[in-house]
Every structure is written in C-alpha cells, then in structure tokens.
Amino acid sequence: ELAQDRTPHRPIRSEFVTIVTTSVIKGLLDDLWQQHVFNTEETEYMKEGFRIRADMARCLIDMVIRKGERASHIMIDGMKKRDHHLCSTLGLISSPAGVGELLPLMYFLNKRSVPALF
C-alpha cells in the first residue's frame, strides 16, 4: 500500500538527492559492496570521485536503478537502517512510525521518465 501522501509524479530522485547525507551515502555504498551489488572499484569511485554530495547521491541512485530490483531492495533496507526519517520523507514506508512494508524504489522511479541529471 502506498503512503497516503504519495502521488505518481512526486520527485523521489530529486528528494533523495536533496535530503540524503554523505554519511548515509557511504553507509549505503558499504551495504551494496557487502551484498556484491557494487564491486570494489565502483565503491571506491563513488566514495572518492565526487566533491559535491548531491552529485554522489545522483550517481548512487542512478547506478542502483541500473543494477535492478535486488539492488534497489538492498539500498532501501540500508536506508531504513541508517535514516528512517529519509525513508519516511520519500514515502518508502507507509507511515512515519515505520509500520508497513518497504516499497521498491524502482516502482516509483520507473513510473515516469527521469532525466539523467536535474
């Protein structure tokens, strides 16, 4: 069930880029590496290749989307562990109290065309 305030065109990607912190991004990268979604080179590139947090966040979410549904679920699980408020704000959980199931990130992102950068 979708969060009550979710609309199909809500800009999940841009909200993620705006809100997520560098420490959460680095934690998500560790999760994705440990689960063999990203290899060592991809992880190091993400951690060291960007000076601007928003660029790192854009690259992360785009790479995860390209990797598929398993990668999206791993990322969402990591977000829930590291930043419950972020998940709630993005509508990835059905209530602010955390009751409800996580929803696949790709479901929201693939419902509309997302420009490569914005």
PDB file of N, CA and C in Angstrom:
ATOM      1  N   GLU A   1       0.854  -1.181   0.000  1.00  0.00           N
ATOM      2  CA  GLU A   1       0.000   0.000   0.000  1.00  0.00           C
ATOM      3  C   GLU A   1       0.895   1.237   0.000  1.00  0.00           C
ATOM      4  N   LEU A   2       0.552   2.186  -0.808  1.00  0.00           N
ATOM      5  CA  LEU A   2       1.353   3.402  -0.918  1.00  0.00           C
ATOM      6  C   LEU A   2       1.091   4.328   0.253  1.00  0.00           C
ATOM      7  N   ALA A   3       2.084   5.104   0.586  1.00  0.00           N
ATOM      8  CA  ALA A   3       1.890   6.134   1.613  1.00  0.00           C
ATOM      9  C   ALA A   3       0.783   7.062   1.152  1.00  0.00           C
ATOM     10  N   GLN A   4       0.029   7.582   2.071  1.00  0.00           N
ATOM     11  CA  GLN A   4      -1.142   8.370   1.710  1.00  0.00           C
ATOM     12  C   GLN A   4      -0.812   9.628   0.926  1.00  0.00           C
ATOM     13  N   ASP A   5       0.335  10.237   1.182  1.00  0.00           N
ATOM     14  CA  ASP A   5       0.639  11.489   0.514  1.00  0.00           C
ATOM     15  C   ASP A   5       1.386  11.297  -0.807  1.00  0.00           C
ATOM     16  N   ARG A   6       1.563  10.079  -1.224  1.00  0.00           N
ATOM     17  CA  ARG A   6       2.323   9.799  -2.444  1.00  0.00           C
ATOM     18  C   ARG A   6       1.453  10.028  -3.677  1.00  0.00           C
ATOM     19  N   THR A   7       2.010  10.705  -4.648  1.00  0.00           N
ATOM     20  CA  THR A   7       1.383  10.824  -5.949  1.00  0.00           C
ATOM     21  C   THR A   7       2.358  10.245  -6.954  1.00  0.00           C
ATOM     22  N   PRO A   8       1.896   9.756  -8.101  1.00  0.00           N
ATOM     23  CA  PRO A   8       2.789   9.110  -9.047  1.00  0.00           C
ATOM     24  C   PRO A   8       3.924  10.000  -9.543  1.00  0.00           C
ATOM     25  N   HIS A   9       3.767  11.313  -9.496  1.00  0.00           N
ATOM     26  CA  HIS A   9       4.779  12.199 -10.062  1.00  0.00           C
ATOM     27  C   HIS A   9       5.656  12.872  -9.018  1.00  0.00           C
ATOM     28  N   ARG A  10       5.525  12.456  -7.788  1.00  0.00           N
ATOM     29  CA  ARG A  10       6.368  13.044  -6.741  1.00  0.00           C
ATOM     30  C   ARG A  10       7.832  12.755  -7.058  1.00  0.00           C
ATOM     31  N   PRO A  11       8.678  13.751  -6.982  1.00  0.00           N
ATOM     32  CA  PRO A  11      10.064  13.604  -7.442  1.00  0.00           C
ATOM     33  C   PRO A  11      10.957  12.876  -6.436  1.00  0.00           C
ATOM     34  N   ILE A  12      10.845  11.548  -6.393  1.00  0.00           N
ATOM     35  CA  ILE A  12      11.613  10.746  -5.444  1.00  0.00           C
ATOM     36  C   ILE A  12      13.115  10.972  -5.615  1.00  0.00           C
ATOM     37  N   ARG A  13      13.580  10.922  -6.841  1.00  0.00           N
ATOM     38  CA  ARG A  13      15.015  11.033  -7.099  1.00  0.00           C
ATOM     39  C   ARG A  13      15.559  12.373  -6.614  1.00  0.00           C
ATOM     40  N   SER A  14      14.877  13.450  -6.967  1.00  0.00           N
ATOM     41  CA  SER A  14      15.375  14.769  -6.570  1.00  0.00           C
ATOM     42  C   SER A  14      15.283  14.960  -5.054  1.00  0.00           C
ATOM     43  N   GLU A  15      14.257  14.394  -4.419  1.00  0.00           N
ATOM     44  CA  GLU A  15      14.161  14.483  -2.957  1.00  0.00           C
ATOM     45  C   GLU A  15      15.310  13.722  -2.304  1.00  0.00           C
ATOM     46  N   PHE A  16      15.598  12.516  -2.818  1.00  0.00           N
ATOM     47  CA  PHE A  16      16.712  11.735  -2.290  1.00  0.00           C
ATOM     48  C   PHE A  16      18.009  12.535  -2.388  1.00  0.00           C
ATOM     49  N   VAL A  17      18.254  13.108  -3.554  1.00  0.00           N
ATOM     50  CA  VAL A  17      19.483  13.874  -3.791  1.00  0.00           C
ATOM     51  C   VAL A  17      19.575  15.053  -2.836  1.00  0.00           C
ATOM     52  N   THR A  18      18.460  15.710  -2.569  1.00  0.00           N
ATOM     53  CA  THR A  18      18.441  16.876  -1.692  1.00  0.00           C
ATOM     54  C   THR A  18      18.648  16.512  -0.222  1.00  0.00           C
ATOM     55  N   ILE A  19      18.066  15.401   0.219  1.00  0.00           N
ATOM     56  CA  ILE A  19      17.996  15.086   1.643  1.00  0.00           C
ATOM     57  C   ILE A  19      19.140  14.202   2.149  1.00  0.00           C
ATOM     58  N   VAL A  20      19.560  13.216   1.375  1.00  0.00           N
ATOM     59  CA  VAL A  20      20.494  12.206   1.880  1.00  0.00           C
ATOM     60  C   VAL A  20      21.830  12.833   2.276  1.00  0.00           C
ATOM     61  N   THR A  21      22.399  12.364   3.363  1.00  0.00           N
ATOM     62  CA  THR A  21      23.677  12.885   3.851  1.00  0.00           C
ATOM     63  C   THR A  21      24.835  12.051   3.301  1.00  0.00           C
ATOM     64  N   THR A  22      26.017  12.623   3.342  1.00  0.00           N
ATOM     65  CA  THR A  22      27.215  11.913   2.886  1.00  0.00           C
ATOM     66  C   THR A  22      27.443  10.648   3.706  1.00  0.00           C
ATOM     67  N   SER A  23      27.234  10.716   5.007  1.00  0.00           N
ATOM     68  CA  SER A  23      27.458   9.523   5.835  1.00  0.00           C
ATOM     69  C   SER A  23      26.485   8.406   5.481  1.00  0.00           C
ATOM     70  N   VAL A  24      25.238   8.737   5.154  1.00  0.00           N
ATOM     71  CA  VAL A  24      24.276   7.714   4.737  1.00  0.00           C
ATOM     72  C   VAL A  24      24.684   7.138   3.388  1.00  0.00           C
ATOM     73  N   ILE A  25      25.102   7.992   2.457  1.00  0.00           N
ATOM     74  CA  ILE A  25      25.558   7.510   1.150  1.00  0.00           C
ATOM     75  C   ILE A  25      26.699   6.513   1.325  1.00  0.00           C
ATOM     76  N   LYS A  26      27.676   6.859   2.150  1.00  0.00           N
ATOM     77  CA  LYS A  26      28.825   5.973   2.354  1.00  0.00           C
ATOM     78  C   LYS A  26      28.404   4.661   3.013  1.00  0.00           C
ATOM     79  N   GLY A  27      27.457   4.731   3.920  1.00  0.00           N
ATOM     80  CA  GLY A  27      26.931   3.505   4.533  1.00  0.00           C
ATOM     81  C   GLY A  27      26.205   2.635   3.520  1.00  0.00           C
ATOM     82  N   LEU A  28      25.430   3.269   2.642  1.00  0.00           N
ATOM     83  CA  LEU A  28      24.730   2.520   1.597  1.00  0.00           C
ATOM     84  C   LEU A  28      25.725   1.869   0.644  1.00  0.00           C
ATOM     85  N   LEU A  29      26.790   2.597   0.332  1.00  0.00           N
ATOM     86  CA  LEU A  29      27.830   2.021  -0.528  1.00  0.00           C
ATOM     87  C   LEU A  29      28.443   0.788   0.125  1.00  0.00           C
ATOM     88  N   ASP A  30      28.684   0.846   1.430  1.00  0.00           N
ATOM     89  CA  ASP A  30      29.213  -0.318   2.138  1.00  0.00           C
ATOM     90  C   ASP A  30      28.232  -1.495   2.049  1.00  0.00           C
ATOM     91  N   ASP A  31      26.942  -1.222   2.257  1.00  0.00           N
ATOM     92  CA  ASP A  31      25.923  -2.278   2.151  1.00  0.00           C
ATOM     93  C   ASP A  31      25.933  -2.904   0.764  1.00  0.00           C
ATOM     94  N   LEU A  32      25.946  -2.062  -0.254  1.00  0.00           N
ATOM     95  CA  LEU A  32      25.888  -2.542  -1.628  1.00  0.00           C
ATOM     96  C   LEU A  32      27.146  -3.326  -1.995  1.00  0.00           C
ATOM     97  N   TRP A  33      28.280  -2.930  -1.450  1.00  0.00           N
ATOM     98  CA  TRP A  33      29.521  -3.664  -1.684  1.00  0.00           C
ATOM     99  C   TRP A  33      29.484  -5.021  -0.972  1.00  0.00           C
ATOM    100  N   GLN A  34      29.042  -5.023   0.288  1.00  0.00           N
ATOM    101  CA  GLN A  34      28.983  -6.265   1.069  1.00  0.00           C
ATOM    102  C   GLN A  34      28.022  -7.276   0.448  1.00  0.00           C
ATOM    103  N   GLN A  35      26.980  -6.779  -0.205  1.00  0.00           N
ATOM    104  CA  GLN A  35      25.993  -7.659  -0.840  1.00  0.00           C
ATOM    105  C   GLN A  35      26.348  -7.969  -2.298  1.00  0.00           C
ATOM    106  N   HIS A  36      27.545  -7.590  -2.709  1.00  0.00           N
ATOM    107  CA  HIS A  36      28.066  -7.869  -4.060  1.00  0.00           C
ATOM    108  C   HIS A  36      27.249  -7.221  -5.174  1.00  0.00           C
ATOM    109  N   VAL A  37      26.641  -6.090  -4.862  1.00  0.00           N
ATOM    110  CA  VAL A  37      25.950  -5.306  -5.891  1.00  0.00           C
ATOM    111  C   VAL A  37      26.977  -4.431  -6.605  1.00  0.00           C
ATOM    112  N   PHE A  38      27.829  -3.776  -5.827  1.00  0.00           N
ATOM    113  CA  PHE A  38      28.914  -2.966  -6.370  1.00  0.00           C
ATOM    114  C   PHE A  38      30.233  -3.684  -6.123  1.00  0.00           C
ATOM    115  N   ASN A  39      31.133  -3.589  -7.082  1.00  0.00           N
ATOM    116  CA  ASN A  39      32.464  -4.134  -6.861  1.00  0.00           C
ATOM    117  C   ASN A  39      33.325  -3.073  -6.172  1.00  0.00           C
ATOM    118  N   THR A  40      34.546  -3.446  -5.827  1.00  0.00           N
ATOM    119  CA  THR A  40      35.435  -2.542  -5.094  1.00  0.00           C
ATOM    120  C   THR A  40      35.701  -1.262  -5.874  1.00  0.00           C
ATOM    121  N   GLU A  41      35.929  -1.387  -7.178  1.00  0.00           N
ATOM    122  CA  GLU A  41      36.217  -0.207  -7.999  1.00  0.00           C
ATOM    123  C   GLU A  41      35.041   0.759  -8.029  1.00  0.00           C
ATOM    124  N   GLU A  42      33.824   0.226  -8.179  1.00  0.00           N
ATOM    125  CA  GLU A  42      32.634   1.086  -8.185  1.00  0.00           C
ATOM    126  C   GLU A  42      32.478   1.798  -6.846  1.00  0.00           C
ATOM    127  N   THR A  43      32.700   1.064  -5.771  1.00  0.00           N
ATOM    128  CA  THR A  43      32.549   1.638  -4.441  1.00  0.00           C
ATOM    129  C   THR A  43      33.587   2.732  -4.198  1.00  0.00           C
ATOM    130  N   GLU A  44      34.836   2.462  -4.551  1.00  0.00           N
ATOM    131  CA  GLU A  44      35.886   3.462  -4.363  1.00  0.00           C
ATOM    132  C   GLU A  44      35.636   4.697  -5.231  1.00  0.00           C
ATOM    133  N   TYR A  45      35.188   4.477  -6.467  1.00  0.00           N
ATOM    134  CA  TYR A  45      34.870   5.604  -7.351  1.00  0.00           C
ATOM    135  C   TYR A  45      33.802   6.488  -6.722  1.00  0.00           C
ATOM    136  N   MET A  46      32.758   5.866  -6.188  1.00  0.00           N
ATOM    137  CA  MET A  46      31.672   6.635  -5.580  1.00  0.00           C
ATOM    138  C   MET A  46      32.158   7.405  -4.349  1.00  0.00           C
ATOM    139  N   LYS A  47      33.006   6.793  -3.558  1.00  0.00           N
ATOM    140  CA  LYS A  47      33.462   7.437  -2.318  1.00  0.00           C
ATOM    141  C   LYS A  47      34.479   8.542  -2.573  1.00  0.00           C
ATOM    142  N   GLU A  48      35.271   8.403  -3.627  1.00  0.00           N
ATOM    143  CA  GLU A  48      36.368   9.345  -3.843  1.00  0.00           C
ATOM    144  C   GLU A  48      36.212  10.211  -5.084  1.00  0.00           C
ATOM    145  N   GLY A  49      35.280   9.865  -5.968  1.00  0.00           N
ATOM    146  CA  GLY A  49      35.189  10.535  -7.254  1.00  0.00           C
ATOM    147  C   GLY A  49      34.341  11.796  -7.284  1.00  0.00           C
ATOM    148  N   PHE A  50      33.723  12.138  -6.160  1.00  0.00           N
ATOM    149  CA  PHE A  50      32.811  13.289  -6.145  1.00  0.00           C
ATOM    150  C   PHE A  50      33.151  14.219  -4.995  1.00  0.00           C
ATOM    151  N   ARG A  51      33.224  15.501  -5.298  1.00  0.00           N
ATOM    152  CA  ARG A  51      33.422  16.506  -4.242  1.00  0.00           C
ATOM    153  C   ARG A  51      32.084  17.022  -3.739  1.00  0.00           C
ATOM    154  N   ILE A  52      31.061  16.959  -4.571  1.00  0.00           N
ATOM    155  CA  ILE A  52      29.746  17.500  -4.215  1.00  0.00           C
ATOM    156  C   ILE A  52      28.816  16.347  -3.843  1.00  0.00           C
ATOM    157  N   ARG A  53      28.256  16.432  -2.629  1.00  0.00           N
ATOM    158  CA  ARG A  53      27.380  15.385  -2.103  1.00  0.00           C
ATOM    159  C   ARG A  53      26.225  15.071  -3.044  1.00  0.00           C
ATOM    160  N   ALA A  54      25.595  16.094  -3.608  1.00  0.00           N
ATOM    161  CA  ALA A  54      24.443  15.874  -4.484  1.00  0.00           C
ATOM    162  C   ALA A  54      24.836  15.071  -5.728  1.00  0.00           C
ATOM    163  N   ASP A  55      26.026  15.315  -6.265  1.00  0.00           N
ATOM    164  CA  ASP A  55      26.487  14.536  -7.422  1.00  0.00           C
ATOM    165  C   ASP A  55      26.699  13.078  -7.041  1.00  0.00           C
ATOM    166  N   MET A  56      27.241  12.850  -5.852  1.00  0.00           N
ATOM    167  CA  MET A  56      27.434  11.481  -5.362  1.00  0.00           C
ATOM    168  C   MET A  56      26.082  10.786  -5.206  1.00  0.00           C
ATOM    169  N   ALA A  57      25.106  11.504  -4.654  1.00  0.00           N
ATOM    170  CA  ALA A  57      23.770  10.933  -4.454  1.00  0.00           C
ATOM    171  C   ALA A  57      23.113  10.603  -5.796  1.00  0.00           C
ATOM    172  N   ARG A  58      23.225  11.501  -6.778  1.00  0.00           N
ATOM    173  CA  ARG A  58      22.660  11.251  -8.119  1.00  0.00           C
ATOM    174  C   ARG A  58      23.284  10.006  -8.747  1.00  0.00           C
ATOM    175  N   CYS A  59      24.593   9.925  -8.681  1.00  0.00           N
ATOM    176  CA  CYS A  59      25.287   8.788  -9.268  1.00  0.00           C
ATOM    177  C   CYS A  59      24.874   7.490  -8.567  1.00  0.00           C
ATOM    178  N   LEU A  60      24.785   7.516  -7.243  1.00  0.00           N
ATOM    179  CA  LEU A  60      24.392   6.322  -6.494  1.00  0.00           C
ATOM    180  C   LEU A  60      23.017   5.831  -6.910  1.00  0.00           C
ATOM    181  N   ILE A  61      22.037   6.708  -6.900  1.00  0.00           N
ATOM    182  CA  ILE A  61      20.680   6.266  -7.215  1.00  0.00           C
ATOM    183  C   ILE A  61      20.580   5.787  -8.668  1.00  0.00           C
ATOM    184  N   ASP A  62      21.278   6.432  -9.581  1.00  0.00           N
ATOM    185  CA  ASP A  62      21.260   6.007 -10.978  1.00  0.00           C
ATOM    186  C   ASP A  62      21.922   4.642 -11.159  1.00  0.00           C
ATOM    187  N   MET A  63      23.044   4.416 -10.466  1.00  0.00           N
ATOM    188  CA  MET A  63      23.723   3.120 -10.553  1.00  0.00           C
ATOM    189  C   MET A  63      22.860   2.010  -9.976  1.00  0.00           C
ATOM    190  N   VAL A  64      22.205   2.278  -8.868  1.00  0.00           N
ATOM    191  CA  VAL A  64      21.352   1.274  -8.235  1.00  0.00           C
ATOM    192  C   VAL A  64      20.179   0.926  -9.151  1.00  0.00           C
ATOM    193  N   ILE A  65      19.569   1.924  -9.766  1.00  0.00           N
ATOM    194  CA  ILE A  65      18.454   1.665 -10.682  1.00  0.00           C
ATOM    195  C   ILE A  65      18.913   0.773 -11.834  1.00  0.00           C
ATOM    196  N   ARG A  66      20.079   1.080 -12.387  1.00  0.00           N
ATOM    197  CA  ARG A  66      20.596   0.265 -13.495  1.00  0.00           C
ATOM    198  C   ARG A  66      20.896  -1.170 -13.073  1.00  0.00           C
ATOM    199  N   LYS A  67      21.243  -1.372 -11.801  1.00  0.00           N
ATOM    200  CA  LYS A  67      21.579  -2.714 -11.305  1.00  0.00           C
ATOM    201  C   LYS A  67      20.341  -3.571 -11.077  1.00  0.00           C
ATOM    202  N   GLY A  68      19.169  -2.952 -10.989  1.00  0.00           N
ATOM    203  CA  GLY A  68      17.946  -3.740 -10.907  1.00  0.00           C
ATOM    204  C   GLY A  68      17.267  -3.754  -9.545  1.00  0.00           C
ATOM    205  N   GLU A  69      16.240  -4.593  -9.469  1.00  0.00           N
ATOM    206  CA  GLU A  69      15.358  -4.620  -8.307  1.00  0.00           C
ATOM    207  C   GLU A  69      16.065  -5.090  -7.039  1.00  0.00           C
ATOM    208  N   ARG A  70      16.924  -6.098  -7.139  1.00  0.00           N
ATOM    209  CA  ARG A  70      17.656  -6.585  -5.962  1.00  0.00           C
ATOM    210  C   ARG A  70      18.485  -5.455  -5.350  1.00  0.00           C
ATOM    211  N   ALA A  71      19.184  -4.723  -6.189  1.00  0.00           N
ATOM    212  CA  ALA A  71      19.992  -3.597  -5.714  1.00  0.00           C
ATOM    213  C   ALA A  71      19.111  -2.548  -5.035  1.00  0.00           C
ATOM    214  N   SER A  72      17.958  -2.269  -5.618  1.00  0.00           N
ATOM    215  CA  SER A  72      17.035  -1.290  -5.032  1.00  0.00           C
ATOM    216  C   SER A  72      16.575  -1.727  -3.647  1.00  0.00           C
ATOM    217  N   HIS A  73      16.247  -3.006  -3.504  1.00  0.00           N
ATOM    218  CA  HIS A  73      15.801  -3.506  -2.203  1.00  0.00           C
ATOM    219  C   HIS A  73      16.916  -3.414  -1.166  1.00  0.00           C
ATOM    220  N   ILE A  74      18.139  -3.738  -1.562  1.00  0.00           N
ATOM    221  CA  ILE A  74      19.274  -3.642  -0.639  1.00  0.00           C
ATOM    222  C   ILE A  74      19.475  -2.188  -0.210  1.00  0.00           C
ATOM    223  N   MET A  75      19.364  -1.273  -1.164  1.00  0.00           N
ATOM    224  CA  MET A  75      19.530   0.143  -0.848  1.00  0.00           C
ATOM    225  C   MET A  75      18.428   0.627   0.099  1.00  0.00           C
ATOM    226  N   ILE A  76      17.196   0.239  -0.151  1.00  0.00           N
ATOM    227  CA  ILE A  76      16.082   0.647   0.707  1.00  0.00           C
ATOM    228  C   ILE A  76      16.263   0.085   2.118  1.00  0.00           C
ATOM    229  N   ASP A  77      16.668  -1.187   2.213  1.00  0.00           N
ATOM    230  CA  ASP A  77      16.906  -1.772   3.536  1.00  0.00           C
ATOM    231  C   ASP A  77      17.991  -0.991   4.277  1.00  0.00           C
ATOM    232  N   GLY A  78      19.048  -0.626   3.567  1.00  0.00           N
ATOM    233  CA  GLY A  78      20.118   0.167   4.167  1.00  0.00           C
ATOM    234  C   GLY A  78      19.644   1.542   4.590  1.00  0.00           C
ATOM    235  N   MET A  79      18.805   2.154   3.770  1.00  0.00           N
ATOM    236  CA  MET A  79      18.252   3.474   4.120  1.00  0.00           C
ATOM    237  C   MET A  79      17.403   3.368   5.374  1.00  0.00           C
ATOM    238  N   LYS A  80      16.626   2.311   5.483  1.00  0.00           N
ATOM    239  CA  LYS A  80      15.775   2.146   6.661  1.00  0.00           C
ATOM    240  C   LYS A  80      16.623   2.005   7.921  1.00  0.00           C
ATOM    241  N   LYS A  81      17.725   1.275   7.836  1.00  0.00           N
ATOM    242  CA  LYS A  81      18.607   1.096   8.997  1.00  0.00           C
ATOM    243  C   LYS A  81      19.329   2.393   9.365  1.00  0.00           C
ATOM    244  N   ARG A  82      19.719   3.155   8.360  1.00  0.00           N
ATOM    245  CA  ARG A  82      20.588   4.311   8.590  1.00  0.00           C
ATOM    246  C   ARG A  82      19.846   5.631   8.764  1.00  0.00           C
ATOM    247  N   ASP A  83      18.689   5.781   8.115  1.00  0.00           N
ATOM    248  CA  ASP A  83      17.991   7.066   8.163  1.00  0.00           C
ATOM    249  C   ASP A  83      16.493   6.842   7.960  1.00  0.00           C
ATOM    250  N   HIS A  84      15.836   6.496   9.054  1.00  0.00           N
ATOM    251  CA  HIS A  84      14.396   6.212   8.994  1.00  0.00           C
ATOM    252  C   HIS A  84      13.621   7.429   8.513  1.00  0.00           C
ATOM    253  N   HIS A  85      14.050   8.616   8.924  1.00  0.00           N
ATOM    254  CA  HIS A  85      13.374   9.851   8.515  1.00  0.00           C
ATOM    255  C   HIS A  85      13.421  10.013   6.986  1.00  0.00           C
ATOM    256  N   LEU A  86      14.560   9.707   6.385  1.00  0.00           N
ATOM    257  CA  LEU A  86      14.693   9.785   4.927  1.00  0.00           C
ATOM    258  C   LEU A  86      13.687   8.862   4.248  1.00  0.00           C
ATOM    259  N   CYS A  87      13.590   7.630   4.716  1.00  0.00           N
ATOM    260  CA  CYS A  87      12.633   6.678   4.134  1.00  0.00           C
ATOM    261  C   CYS A  87      11.203   7.177   4.263  1.00  0.00           C
ATOM    262  N   SER A  88      10.880   7.717   5.417  1.00  0.00           N
ATOM    263  CA  SER A  88       9.537   8.241   5.639  1.00  0.00           C
ATOM    264  C   SER A  88       9.254   9.423   4.715  1.00  0.00           C
ATOM    265  N   THR A  89      10.214  10.334   4.608  1.00  0.00           N
ATOM    266  CA  THR A  89      10.056  11.512   3.753  1.00  0.00           C
ATOM    267  C   THR A  89       9.868  11.117   2.294  1.00  0.00           C
ATOM    268  N   LEU A  90      10.597  10.096   1.855  1.00  0.00           N
ATOM    269  CA  LEU A  90      10.499   9.650   0.456  1.00  0.00           C
ATOM    270  C   LEU A  90       9.269   8.789   0.208  1.00  0.00           C
ATOM    271  N   GLY A  91       8.545   8.433   1.274  1.00  0.00           N
ATOM    272  CA  GLY A  91       7.356   7.614   1.102  1.00  0.00           C
ATOM    273  C   GLY A  91       7.664   6.152   0.884  1.00  0.00           C
ATOM    274  N   LEU A  92       8.831   5.698   1.307  1.00  0.00           N
ATOM    275  CA  LEU A  92       9.217   4.305   1.113  1.00  0.00           C
ATOM    276  C   LEU A  92       8.696   3.386   2.205  1.00  0.00           C
ATOM    277  N   ILE A  93       8.120   3.995   3.242  1.00  0.00           N
ATOM    278  CA  ILE A  93       7.414   3.235   4.264  1.00  0.00           C
ATOM    279  C   ILE A  93       6.029   3.846   4.375  1.00  0.00           C
ATOM    280  N   SER A  94       5.080   3.053   4.807  1.00  0.00           N
ATOM    281  CA  SER A  94       3.694   3.502   4.716  1.00  0.00           C
ATOM    282  C   SER A  94       3.246   4.398   5.855  1.00  0.00           C
ATOM    283  N   SER A  95       4.076   4.573   6.881  1.00  0.00           N
ATOM    284  CA  SER A  95       3.700   5.501   7.939  1.00  0.00           C
ATOM    285  C   SER A  95       4.954   6.050   8.600  1.00  0.00           C
ATOM    286  N   PRO A  96       4.865   7.247   9.154  1.00  0.00           N
ATOM    287  CA  PRO A  96       6.022   7.826   9.830  1.00  0.00           C
ATOM    288  C   PRO A  96       6.508   6.974  10.997  1.00  0.00           C
ATOM    289  N   ALA A  97       5.616   6.184  11.594  1.00  0.00           N
ATOM    290  CA  ALA A  97       6.002   5.346  12.732  1.00  0.00           C
ATOM    291  C   ALA A  97       6.763   4.105  12.274  1.00  0.00           C
ATOM    292  N   GLY A  98       6.837   3.866  10.975  1.00  0.00           N
ATOM    293  CA  GLY A  98       7.582   2.723  10.472  1.00  0.00           C
ATOM    294  C   GLY A  98       6.741   1.482  10.318  1.00  0.00           C
ATOM    295  N   VAL A  99       5.439   1.592  10.505  1.00  0.00           N
ATOM    296  CA  VAL A  99       4.568   0.443  10.327  1.00  0.00           C
ATOM    297  C   VAL A  99       4.286   0.304   8.839  1.00  0.00           C
ATOM    298  N   GLY A 100       4.417  -0.872   8.339  1.00  0.00           N
ATOM    299  CA  GLY A 100       4.163  -1.088   6.918  1.00  0.00           C
ATOM    300  C   GLY A 100       5.382  -1.636   6.224  1.00  0.00           C
ATOM    301  N   GLU A 101       5.211  -2.011   4.996  1.00  0.00           N
ATOM    302  CA  GLU A 101       6.290  -2.637   4.241  1.00  0.00           C
ATOM    303  C   GLU A 101       7.052  -1.615   3.421  1.00  0.00           C
ATOM    304  N   LEU A 102       8.324  -1.906   3.198  1.00  0.00           N
ATOM    305  CA  LEU A 102       9.119  -1.090   2.288  1.00  0.00           C
ATOM    306  C   LEU A 102       8.623  -1.329   0.876  1.00  0.00           C
ATOM    307  N   LEU A 103       8.654  -0.304   0.092  1.00  0.00           N
ATOM    308  CA  LEU A 103       8.216  -0.399  -1.293  1.00  0.00           C
ATOM    309  C   LEU A 103       9.417  -0.283  -2.210  1.00  0.00           C
ATOM    310  N   PRO A 104       9.435  -1.039  -3.303  1.00  0.00           N
ATOM    311  CA  PRO A 104      10.603  -0.987  -4.183  1.00  0.00           C
ATOM    312  C   PRO A 104      10.842   0.404  -4.753  1.00  0.00           C
ATOM    313  N   LEU A 105      12.059   0.878  -4.616  1.00  0.00           N
ATOM    314  CA  LEU A 105      12.452   2.177  -5.133  1.00  0.00           C
ATOM    315  C   LEU A 105      12.201   2.260  -6.627  1.00  0.00           C
ATOM    316  N   MET A 106      12.479   1.193  -7.344  1.00  0.00           N
ATOM    317  CA  MET A 106      12.314   1.201  -8.796  1.00  0.00           C
ATOM    318  C   MET A 106      10.850   1.424  -9.198  1.00  0.00           C
ATOM    319  N   TYR A 107       9.906   0.971  -8.359  1.00  0.00           N
ATOM    320  CA  TYR A 107       8.493   1.162  -8.681  1.00  0.00           C
ATOM    321  C   TYR A 107       8.191   2.635  -8.902  1.00  0.00           C
ATOM    322  N   PHE A 108       8.720   3.469  -7.995  1.00  0.00           N
ATOM    323  CA  PHE A 108       8.468   4.901  -8.091  1.00  0.00           C
ATOM    324  C   PHE A 108       9.266   5.540  -9.212  1.00  0.00           C
ATOM    325  N   LEU A 109      10.521   5.140  -9.341  1.00  0.00           N
ATOM    326  CA  LEU A 109      11.399   5.786 -10.305  1.00  0.00           C
ATOM    327  C   LEU A 109      11.081   5.405 -11.740  1.00  0.00           C
ATOM    328  N   ASN A 110      10.582   4.210 -11.957  1.00  0.00           N
ATOM    329  CA  ASN A 110      10.313   3.755 -13.317  1.00  0.00           C
ATOM    330  C   ASN A 110       8.889   4.052 -13.778  1.00  0.00           C
ATOM    331  N   LYS A 111       8.083   4.657 -12.936  1.00  0.00           N
ATOM    332  CA  LYS A 111       6.716   5.022 -13.324  1.00  0.00           C
ATOM    333  C   LYS A 111       6.694   6.233 -14.250  1.00  0.00           C
ATOM    334  N   ARG A 112       7.799   6.944 -14.313  1.00  0.00           N
ATOM    335  CA  ARG A 112       7.873   8.140 -15.149  1.00  0.00           C
ATOM    336  C   ARG A 112       9.281   8.232 -15.692  1.00  0.00           C
ATOM    337  N   SER A 113       9.476   9.000 -16.711  1.00  0.00           N
ATOM    338  CA  SER A 113      10.825   9.135 -17.233  1.00  0.00           C
ATOM    339  C   SER A 113      11.593  10.085 -16.325  1.00  0.00           C
ATOM    340  N   VAL A 114      12.819   9.710 -16.025  1.00  0.00           N
ATOM    341  CA  VAL A 114      13.663  10.505 -15.147  1.00  0.00           C
ATOM    342  C   VAL A 114      14.845  11.000 -15.950  1.00  0.00           C
ATOM    343  N   PRO A 115      15.035  12.309 -16.047  1.00  0.00           N
ATOM    344  CA  PRO A 115      16.204  12.808 -16.781  1.00  0.00           C
ATOM    345  C   PRO A 115      17.492  12.350 -16.101  1.00  0.00           C
ATOM    346  N   ALA A 116      18.558  12.196 -16.871  1.00  0.00           N
ATOM    347  CA  ALA A 116      19.822  11.736 -16.337  1.00  0.00           C
ATOM    348  C   ALA A 116      20.343  12.673 -15.248  1.00  0.00           C
ATOM    349  N   LEU A 117      20.156  13.951 -15.418  1.00  0.00           N
ATOM    350  CA  LEU A 117      20.558  14.920 -14.405  1.00  0.00           C
ATOM    351  C   LEU A 117      19.480  15.981 -14.257  1.00  0.00           C
ATOM    352  N   PHE A 118      19.259  16.416 -13.012  1.00  0.00           N
ATOM    353  CA  PHE A 118      18.426  17.603 -12.783  1.00  0.00           C
ATOM    354  C   PHE A 118      18.736  18.226 -11.473  1.00  0.00           C
TER     355      PHE A 118
END
